[in-house]
Protein backbone atom coordinates (compact mmCIF):
# COMPACT_ATOMS: atom_id res chain seq x y z
CA MET A 1 -7.74 -10.89 -14.42
CA PRO A 2 -6.93 -12.37 -10.98
CA ARG A 3 -8.88 -10.95 -8.08
CA LEU A 4 -5.82 -10.81 -5.80
CA SER A 5 -2.17 -9.88 -6.35
CA ILE A 6 0.13 -10.91 -3.50
CA LEU A 7 3.31 -8.83 -3.36
CA ILE A 8 6.37 -9.81 -1.36
CA PRO A 9 8.82 -6.88 -1.39
CA CYS A 10 12.39 -7.74 -0.40
CA LEU A 11 15.39 -5.46 0.04
CA GLY A 12 17.68 -8.41 0.79
CA GLY A 13 18.50 -11.72 -0.85
CA ALA A 14 16.57 -14.95 -1.29
CA ALA A 15 17.18 -16.03 2.30
CA ASP A 16 15.03 -13.11 3.42
CA PHE A 17 11.92 -14.04 1.43
CA ASP A 18 12.17 -17.85 1.14
CA ALA A 19 10.10 -18.77 4.22
CA THR A 20 7.50 -16.09 3.47
CA LEU A 21 7.13 -17.22 -0.15
CA VAL A 22 6.80 -20.90 0.83
CA SER A 23 3.97 -20.13 3.26
CA VAL A 24 2.17 -17.93 0.72
CA LEU A 25 2.35 -20.62 -1.97
CA GLN A 26 1.15 -23.23 0.51
CA HIS A 27 -1.93 -21.27 1.62
CA ARG A 28 -2.73 -18.97 -1.33
CA PRO A 29 -6.27 -18.81 -2.70
CA ALA A 30 -7.02 -20.09 -6.19
CA ASP A 31 -7.73 -16.76 -7.90
CA CYS A 32 -4.47 -14.92 -7.28
CA GLU A 33 -1.04 -14.10 -8.61
CA VAL A 34 2.18 -13.97 -6.58
CA LEU A 35 4.93 -11.44 -7.23
CA VAL A 36 8.28 -11.13 -5.47
CA ILE A 37 9.79 -7.67 -5.95
CA HIS A 38 13.46 -7.91 -5.00
CA SER A 39 16.48 -5.63 -5.12
CA GLU A 40 19.16 -8.32 -5.47
CA SER A 41 19.78 -10.84 -8.24
CA TYR A 42 17.85 -14.12 -8.01
CA ASP A 43 18.25 -17.10 -10.35
CA ASP A 44 15.15 -19.08 -9.22
CA PRO A 45 16.91 -22.31 -8.15
CA TYR A 46 13.57 -24.02 -7.40
CA ALA A 47 12.11 -23.24 -10.84
CA LEU A 48 9.10 -21.36 -9.51
CA GLY A 49 8.79 -19.13 -12.53
CA HIS A 50 5.50 -20.76 -13.56
CA GLU A 51 3.96 -19.93 -10.15
CA VAL A 52 5.69 -16.70 -9.15
CA ARG A 53 6.73 -13.57 -11.01
CA PHE A 54 10.14 -12.45 -9.84
CA ILE A 55 10.74 -8.77 -10.58
CA GLU A 56 14.13 -7.21 -9.91
CA ARG A 57 14.18 -3.50 -9.11
CA ARG A 58 17.06 -1.45 -7.82
CA SER A 59 15.62 0.35 -4.81
CA ASP A 60 16.65 1.17 -1.28
CA SER A 61 13.09 1.42 0.04
CA LEU A 62 10.23 -1.02 0.57
CA ALA A 63 7.78 1.62 -0.61
CA GLY A 64 9.67 1.85 -3.90
CA LEU A 65 9.53 -1.93 -4.34
CA VAL A 66 5.79 -2.03 -3.63
CA ASN A 67 5.23 0.73 -6.19
CA ALA A 68 7.13 -1.37 -8.73
CA GLY A 69 4.85 -4.28 -7.87
CA LEU A 70 1.80 -2.06 -8.27
CA GLU A 71 2.85 -1.30 -11.84
CA ALA A 72 3.14 -5.00 -12.66
CA ALA A 73 0.16 -6.34 -10.68
CA ARG A 74 -3.12 -7.25 -12.39
CA GLY A 75 -5.39 -8.07 -9.44
CA GLN A 76 -8.27 -5.95 -8.19
CA VAL A 77 -6.84 -6.16 -4.66
CA LEU A 78 -3.16 -5.78 -3.81
CA HIS A 79 -1.88 -7.65 -0.76
CA VAL A 80 1.55 -6.72 0.64
CA VAL A 81 3.24 -9.45 2.70
CA GLY A 82 6.56 -8.39 4.21
CA CYS A 83 9.60 -10.61 4.52
CA GLY A 84 9.73 -12.37 7.88
CA LEU A 85 5.99 -13.12 7.91
CA GLU A 86 4.26 -16.44 7.32
CA ALA A 87 0.77 -16.80 5.91
CA THR A 88 -1.79 -19.00 7.64
CA GLU A 89 -4.58 -21.14 6.19
CA HIS A 90 -7.42 -19.13 4.58
CA TRP A 91 -5.84 -15.87 5.71
CA THR A 92 -7.10 -13.87 2.73
CA GLU A 93 -10.78 -14.93 2.68
CA ALA A 94 -12.30 -12.65 5.31
CA ALA A 95 -10.15 -9.69 4.24
CA LEU A 96 -11.19 -9.95 0.59
CA GLY A 97 -14.85 -10.06 1.59
CA HIS A 98 -14.70 -6.44 2.78
CA PHE A 99 -13.89 -5.21 -0.74
CA ALA A 100 -17.46 -5.99 -1.78
CA ASP A 101 -18.11 -2.54 -0.29
CA PRO A 102 -16.84 -0.13 -2.98
CA ASP A 103 -15.89 2.46 -0.34
CA VAL A 104 -13.42 0.12 1.40
CA ALA A 105 -9.89 0.90 0.18
CA ALA A 106 -7.75 -0.92 2.74
CA VAL A 107 -7.90 -3.84 5.16
CA SER A 108 -5.48 -4.55 8.00
CA PRO A 109 -4.70 -8.17 8.80
CA ILE A 110 -3.46 -9.20 12.23
CA ILE A 111 0.23 -9.98 12.74
CA HIS A 112 0.98 -12.33 15.62
CA ALA A 113 4.37 -13.09 17.17
CA ASN A 114 5.91 -16.52 16.67
CA ASP A 115 4.10 -17.82 19.75
CA GLY A 116 0.84 -17.35 17.85
CA GLU A 117 -0.66 -15.27 20.65
CA SER A 118 1.20 -11.99 21.21
CA LEU A 119 0.04 -9.19 18.94
CA VAL A 120 2.75 -7.55 16.83
CA ALA A 121 0.49 -5.23 14.81
CA ALA A 122 -3.18 -4.72 13.99
CA GLY A 123 -2.62 -1.55 11.98
CA LEU A 124 -1.44 1.96 12.70
CA ALA A 125 -2.62 5.35 13.93
CA TRP A 126 -1.57 8.98 13.49
CA THR A 127 -1.78 11.08 16.61
CA LEU A 128 -3.26 14.57 16.59
CA GLY A 129 0.21 15.87 17.37
CA GLY A 130 1.68 14.18 14.31
CA ALA A 131 3.27 10.86 15.28
CA ARG A 132 2.90 7.39 13.78
CA THR A 133 2.03 4.60 16.22
CA VAL A 134 1.56 0.87 15.65
CA ILE A 135 -1.52 -0.69 17.26
CA ARG A 136 -0.48 -3.61 19.46
CA ASP A 137 -3.39 -3.69 21.92
CA SER A 138 -4.35 -7.37 22.23
CA ARG A 139 -7.92 -6.34 23.12
CA ILE A 140 -8.39 -5.64 19.40
CA ILE A 141 -8.85 -9.36 18.77
CA SER A 142 -11.41 -9.86 21.56
CA ALA A 143 -15.20 -9.73 21.17
CA GLY A 144 -16.79 -6.30 21.36
CA SER A 145 -13.71 -4.43 20.15
CA GLY A 146 -15.50 -2.40 17.48
CA ARG A 147 -14.53 0.98 18.93
CA ARG A 148 -10.86 -0.01 19.20
CA LYS A 149 -10.88 -1.29 15.60
CA ALA A 150 -12.46 1.97 14.46
CA SER A 151 -9.52 3.89 15.93
CA ILE A 152 -7.10 2.16 13.53
CA LEU A 153 -6.26 4.44 10.63
CA GLY A 154 -4.86 1.88 8.21
CA PRO A 155 -2.56 -1.10 7.71
CA THR A 156 1.19 -1.13 8.20
CA LEU A 157 3.58 -1.54 5.30
CA ALA A 158 4.50 -4.96 6.73
CA ALA A 159 1.10 -6.49 5.88
CA ALA A 160 -1.81 -4.83 4.09
CA PHE A 161 -4.67 -5.30 1.62
CA TYR A 162 -5.42 -2.40 -0.75
CA ARG A 163 -7.94 -1.76 -3.50
CA ARG A 164 -5.62 -1.47 -6.48
CA GLU A 165 -7.52 1.27 -8.32
CA VAL A 166 -7.34 3.53 -5.26
CA LEU A 167 -3.59 2.97 -4.97
CA ILE A 168 -3.18 3.81 -8.65
CA ALA A 169 -5.29 6.97 -8.33
CA LEU A 170 -3.09 8.11 -5.42
CA CYS A 171 0.09 7.25 -7.41
CA GLY A 172 1.05 4.51 -4.96
CA PHE A 173 3.11 5.04 -1.85
CA ASP A 174 4.87 8.36 -1.35
CA ALA A 175 8.44 7.06 -1.30
CA ALA A 176 9.69 10.60 -0.54
CA VAL A 177 8.45 10.35 3.06
CA GLY A 178 10.49 7.17 3.66
CA ASP A 179 9.46 3.68 4.73
CA GLU A 180 8.78 4.88 8.27
CA LEU A 181 5.89 7.10 7.14
CA ALA A 182 4.85 5.74 3.73
CA ASP A 183 2.04 3.59 5.13
CA VAL A 184 0.53 6.25 7.38
CA SER A 185 0.81 8.86 4.61
CA LEU A 186 -1.19 6.61 2.29
CA ALA A 187 -3.75 5.84 5.01
CA LEU A 188 -4.27 9.54 5.70
CA ASP A 189 -4.73 10.26 2.00
CA MET A 190 -7.28 7.45 1.66
CA ARG A 191 -9.28 8.84 4.53
CA ALA A 192 -9.02 12.36 3.07
CA ILE A 193 -10.75 11.23 -0.14
CA GLY A 194 -13.49 9.48 1.83
CA ARG A 195 -12.32 5.87 1.53
CA LEU A 196 -12.72 3.39 4.39
CA HIS A 197 -10.41 1.06 6.29
CA VAL A 198 -11.30 -2.19 8.07
CA CYS A 199 -9.31 -4.23 10.59
CA GLU A 200 -9.96 -7.93 9.97
CA THR A 201 -8.90 -10.08 12.94
CA SER A 202 -9.66 -13.33 11.09
CA SER A 203 -6.87 -12.58 8.62
CA LYS A 204 -3.74 -13.71 10.43
CA LEU A 205 -0.04 -13.77 9.64
CA ILE A 206 2.79 -14.95 11.90
CA GLU A 207 6.02 -13.03 12.36
CA HIS A 208 8.69 -15.74 12.35
CA ARG A 209 11.52 -13.21 12.06
CA PRO A 210 11.13 -9.74 13.63
CA ARG A 211 11.40 -6.92 11.14
CA PRO A 212 14.16 -4.40 11.87
CA ALA A 213 12.71 -1.18 13.22
CA VAL A 214 12.68 1.69 10.74
CA ALA A 215 13.67 4.92 12.45
CA SER A 216 14.65 7.57 9.92
CA ARG A 217 16.49 10.62 11.18
CA GLY A 218 17.93 13.84 9.92
CA PHE A 219 16.75 16.46 7.46
CA GLY A 220 14.58 14.21 5.29
CA SER A 221 12.81 12.70 8.27
CA GLY A 222 12.04 16.07 9.83
CA LEU A 223 10.83 17.44 6.49
CA ALA A 224 8.52 14.46 5.91
CA LYS A 225 7.04 14.45 9.42
CA GLU A 226 6.29 18.17 9.38
CA ARG A 227 4.77 18.07 5.90
CA LEU A 228 2.58 15.14 6.86
CA PHE A 229 1.35 16.93 9.96
CA TRP A 230 0.32 20.08 8.08
CA ARG A 231 -1.31 18.15 5.23
CA HIS A 232 -3.95 16.75 7.58
CA ALA A 233 -3.97 19.00 10.67
CA SER A 234 -6.97 21.09 9.60
CA ALA A 235 -9.16 18.07 8.87
CA ARG A 236 -8.58 16.74 12.37
CA GLY A 237 -9.09 20.02 14.25
CA LEU A 238 -6.35 22.60 13.80
CA ALA A 239 -6.46 24.13 17.30
CA VAL A 240 -6.16 20.79 19.10
CA SER A 241 -3.57 19.49 16.64
CA LEU A 242 -1.39 22.56 17.11
CA GLY A 243 -1.61 22.24 20.87
CA LEU A 244 -0.39 18.64 20.73
CA HIS A 245 2.18 19.15 17.98
CA ALA A 246 4.87 20.78 20.15
CA PRO A 247 4.96 17.88 22.66
CA SER A 248 5.09 15.45 19.73
CA VAL A 249 8.07 17.26 18.19
CA ALA A 250 9.80 17.40 21.59
CA SER A 251 9.32 13.64 22.00
CA ASP A 252 10.80 13.03 18.56
CA ILE A 253 13.82 15.17 19.43
CA LEU A 254 14.40 13.32 22.70
CA ARG A 255 14.39 9.98 20.87
CA GLN A 256 17.22 11.21 18.64
CA LEU A 257 19.45 12.60 21.38
CA PRO A 258 22.41 12.78 21.66
CA SER A 259 22.79 12.29 17.91
CA LEU A 260 23.61 15.32 15.77
CA SER A 261 20.69 14.31 13.55
CA VAL A 262 18.53 16.35 15.94
CA LEU A 263 19.77 19.58 14.37
CA SER A 264 19.27 18.48 10.78
CA SER A 265 15.85 17.11 11.70
CA LEU A 266 14.82 20.50 13.07
CA VAL A 267 16.14 22.19 9.94
CA GLY A 268 14.00 19.79 7.90
CA ARG A 269 10.92 20.72 9.90
CA CYS A 270 11.64 24.42 9.37
CA ALA A 271 12.05 23.83 5.63
CA ALA A 272 8.61 22.23 5.56
CA LEU A 273 7.11 25.26 7.27
CA VAL A 274 8.40 27.67 4.62
CA ASP A 275 7.37 25.48 1.67
CA PHE A 276 4.17 27.46 1.21
CA GLY A 277 3.02 25.63 -1.91
CA ALA A 278 3.26 22.12 -0.45
CA LEU A 279 -0.25 22.05 1.00
CA GLU A 280 -1.83 23.32 -2.22
CA ARG A 281 0.08 20.74 -4.29
CA HIS A 282 -1.15 17.98 -2.00
CA GLU A 283 -4.75 19.17 -2.22
CA ARG A 284 -4.52 19.12 -6.03
CA HIS A 285 -3.11 15.60 -5.84
CA LEU A 286 -6.07 14.42 -3.73
CA ALA A 287 -8.58 16.20 -5.97
CA ALA A 288 -7.11 14.50 -9.06
CA ALA A 289 -7.26 11.10 -7.35
CA LEU A 290 -10.88 11.62 -6.37
CA GLU A 291 -11.84 12.71 -9.88
CA GLN A 292 -10.13 9.65 -11.37
CA LEU A 293 -12.04 7.33 -9.02
CA ARG A 294 -15.34 9.05 -9.80
CA SER A 295 -14.70 8.63 -13.52
CA LEU A 296 -13.98 4.93 -13.04
CA ALA A 297 -17.20 4.52 -11.05
CA ALA A 298 -19.19 6.31 -13.76
CA GLU A 299 -17.68 4.13 -16.48
CA ARG A 300 -18.44 1.01 -14.45
CA LYS A 301 -22.05 2.11 -13.93
CA ALA A 302 -22.52 2.89 -17.62
CA GLU A 303 -21.12 -0.50 -18.59
CA GLN A 304 -23.44 -2.23 -16.13
CA GLN A 305 -26.44 -0.37 -17.57
CA ARG A 306 -25.39 -1.32 -21.09
CA LEU A 307 -25.12 -5.01 -20.14
CA THR A 308 -28.47 -4.89 -18.37
CA GLY A 309 -30.10 -3.36 -21.45
CA THR A 310 -28.51 -6.02 -23.69
CA ARG A 311 -29.87 -8.82 -21.51
CA ARG A 312 -33.37 -7.33 -21.52
CA ARG A 313 -33.41 -7.05 -25.31
CA ALA A 314 -32.13 -10.62 -25.61
CA ALA A 315 -34.90 -11.85 -23.28
């Protein structure tokens, strides 16, 4: 079993993932597998089938493609590398080291702009009012930035390391919330079950082609944002969260004006409010994930004790 599975999800054609794949193959560590999950036909003109697994899946979302890769991956750690990024030398080493801590479920690498200096992303955050924000503060990469790193909730969908068994327990990314919120939804769930995130500034990727901004609108977007807010509002302080939620919703509405999607977005938020069973269903989902992880840990401990006993008897 390889320690690392590198996934390159691609909604476009080969031209979109070629440069990313070349850089990954050039700098990949020895103990890894590389998978390209793509939504368009690809005939492998460079005969890379012995080095790369190409998996075609019909999907209109990156989250859906990553979930397909999760099903096929064999590594203990899953590393998502988005199209338009280039790997750098030894970029996985420091990030993988954090997974020696069994409580670490995710690691954020650093994404630099093409100039190699400007910070594109160091992870993401979820405001108390219920808004996703990408961390671009360049002070993250300076010495003594521990507090700023601690404020990062999790990695972006563009580039991320995940413990595979935690992803499986949580059933992968929630594609229903859309690509705009899939990464922050997963990060919030990981924190809710007590798993940790680390921002590793020594793990660097370069954005050679800017990724188109994902800005979902309309009913589905409003429904997803409101559901996500209520799933985690209590854990973060309900009174404060409620006080900041109205300004957050108003800001979201202003960003959509003058589009008619504002109305359908508000309808979506209202639909989330009257879906009284949604919170309970989500709590059951988290409880099941936590129980699955505890069972795995118990099995691992029992196996270790068995091996230890075998060695002692052999000695």
